[in-house]
């Protein structure tokens, strides 16, 4: 049951990014405690050394990622 819950949440996040609708979990981590059926949200800072989201990355915002996706299509 747990993989289905987590998979549904991941699919929902992907749909929000593709559709540009809702508030995706950018800069936030969602945790799920299956024993107590509780969710918690934690703010996460960017790692300046991260090759994907760090200071040297070309991606600065969701719009940058969307522009890259649409130019590849």
C-alpha atoms as a PDB file:
ATOM      1  CA  UNK A   1       0.000   0.000   0.000  1.00  0.00           C
ATOM      2  CA  UNK A   2       2.841   2.414   0.816  1.00  0.00           C
ATOM      3  CA  UNK A   3       4.351   2.285  -2.713  1.00  0.00           C
ATOM      4  CA  UNK A   4       0.943   3.179  -4.143  1.00  0.00           C
ATOM      5  CA  UNK A   5       0.592   6.206  -1.878  1.00  0.00           C
ATOM      6  CA  UNK A   6       4.097   7.474  -2.613  1.00  0.00           C
ATOM      7  CA  UNK A   7       3.713   6.756  -6.346  1.00  0.00           C
ATOM      8  CA  UNK A   8       0.462   8.713  -6.466  1.00  0.00           C
ATOM      9  CA  UNK A   9       2.122  11.665  -4.751  1.00  0.00           C
ATOM     10  CA  UNK A  10       5.034  11.577  -7.222  1.00  0.00           C
ATOM     11  CA  UNK A  11       2.671  11.390 -10.190  1.00  0.00           C
ATOM     12  CA  UNK A  12       0.718  14.335  -8.808  1.00  0.00           C
ATOM     13  CA  UNK A  13       3.915  16.409  -8.521  1.00  0.00           C
ATOM     14  CA  UNK A  14       4.868  15.543 -12.100  1.00  0.00           C
ATOM     15  CA  UNK A  15       1.422  16.572 -13.362  1.00  0.00           C
ATOM     16  CA  UNK A  16       1.635  19.887 -11.502  1.00  0.00           C
ATOM     17  CA  UNK A  17       4.996  20.613 -13.146  1.00  0.00           C
ATOM     18  CA  UNK A  18       3.804  19.588 -16.624  1.00  0.00           C
ATOM     19  CA  UNK A  19       0.508  21.487 -16.390  1.00  0.00           C
ATOM     20  CA  UNK A  20       1.972  24.492 -14.599  1.00  0.00           C
ATOM     21  CA  UNK A  21      -0.898  24.237 -12.138  1.00  0.00           C
ATOM     22  CA  UNK A  22      -0.885  24.206  -8.354  1.00  0.00           C
ATOM     23  CA  UNK A  23       2.052  24.639  -6.010  1.00  0.00           C
ATOM     24  CA  UNK A  24       4.731  21.982  -6.613  1.00  0.00           C
ATOM     25  CA  UNK A  25       7.042  20.918  -3.793  1.00  0.00           C
ATOM     26  CA  UNK A  26       9.931  23.096  -4.961  1.00  0.00           C
ATOM     27  CA  UNK A  27      12.189  23.836  -2.002  1.00  0.00           C
ATOM     28  CA  UNK A  28      10.095  21.603   0.229  1.00  0.00           C
ATOM     29  CA  UNK A  29      10.297  17.957   1.259  1.00  0.00           C
ATOM     30  CA  UNK A  30       7.137  16.028   2.028  1.00  0.00           C
ATOM     31  CA  UNK A  31       7.481  13.150   4.482  1.00  0.00           C
ATOM     32  CA  UNK A  32       4.880  10.496   5.149  1.00  0.00           C
ATOM     33  CA  UNK A  33       4.613   8.405   8.303  1.00  0.00           C
ATOM     34  CA  UNK A  34       2.615   5.367   7.224  1.00  0.00           C
ATOM     35  CA  UNK A  35       2.177   4.056  10.781  1.00  0.00           C
ATOM     36  CA  UNK A  36       0.301   7.138  11.927  1.00  0.00           C
ATOM     37  CA  UNK A  37      -0.899   8.261   8.474  1.00  0.00           C
ATOM     38  CA  UNK A  38       0.633  11.711   8.925  1.00  0.00           C
ATOM     39  CA  UNK A  39       2.344  14.021   6.491  1.00  0.00           C
ATOM     40  CA  UNK A  40       4.944  16.645   7.360  1.00  0.00           C
ATOM     41  CA  UNK A  41       6.551  19.303   5.191  1.00  0.00           C
ATOM     42  CA  UNK A  42      10.118  20.536   5.629  1.00  0.00           C
ATOM     43  CA  UNK A  43      11.685  23.508   3.876  1.00  0.00           C
ATOM     44  CA  UNK A  44      14.939  22.603   2.126  1.00  0.00           C
ATOM     45  CA  UNK A  45      17.667  25.024   1.082  1.00  0.00           C
ATOM     46  CA  UNK A  46      19.602  24.716  -2.142  1.00  0.00           C
ATOM     47  CA  UNK A  47      23.106  23.293  -1.947  1.00  0.00           C
ATOM     48  CA  UNK A  48      25.370  25.838  -3.702  1.00  0.00           C
ATOM     49  CA  UNK A  49      27.600  22.948  -4.869  1.00  0.00           C
ATOM     50  CA  UNK A  50      24.746  20.903  -6.389  1.00  0.00           C
ATOM     51  CA  UNK A  51      25.278  20.400 -10.150  1.00  0.00           C
ATOM     52  CA  UNK A  52      21.522  20.565 -10.817  1.00  0.00           C
ATOM     53  CA  UNK A  53      20.304  23.383  -8.579  1.00  0.00           C
ATOM     54  CA  UNK A  54      23.529  24.986  -7.313  1.00  0.00           C
ATOM     55  CA  UNK A  55      25.132  28.311  -8.203  1.00  0.00           C
ATOM     56  CA  UNK A  56      26.751  26.968 -11.401  1.00  0.00           C
ATOM     57  CA  UNK A  57      23.497  25.490 -12.731  1.00  0.00           C
ATOM     58  CA  UNK A  58      21.724  27.085 -15.678  1.00  0.00           C
ATOM     59  CA  UNK A  59      18.337  26.321 -14.108  1.00  0.00           C
ATOM     60  CA  UNK A  60      17.270  29.238 -11.932  1.00  0.00           C
ATOM     61  CA  UNK A  61      13.500  28.824 -11.808  1.00  0.00           C
ATOM     62  CA  UNK A  62      10.601  26.656 -12.821  1.00  0.00           C
ATOM     63  CA  UNK A  63      10.273  28.816 -15.945  1.00  0.00           C
ATOM     64  CA  UNK A  64      13.846  27.890 -16.978  1.00  0.00           C
ATOM     65  CA  UNK A  65      13.011  24.194 -16.666  1.00  0.00           C
ATOM     66  CA  UNK A  66       9.793  24.668 -18.620  1.00  0.00           C
ATOM     67  CA  UNK A  67      11.621  26.552 -21.365  1.00  0.00           C
ATOM     68  CA  UNK A  68      14.131  23.756 -21.672  1.00  0.00           C
ATOM     69  CA  UNK A  69      11.328  21.162 -21.853  1.00  0.00           C
ATOM     70  CA  UNK A  70       9.393  23.033 -24.549  1.00  0.00           C
ATOM     71  CA  UNK A  71      12.504  23.614 -26.716  1.00  0.00           C
ATOM     72  CA  UNK A  72      13.257  19.863 -26.636  1.00  0.00           C
ATOM     73  CA  UNK A  73       9.784  18.965 -27.936  1.00  0.00           C
END
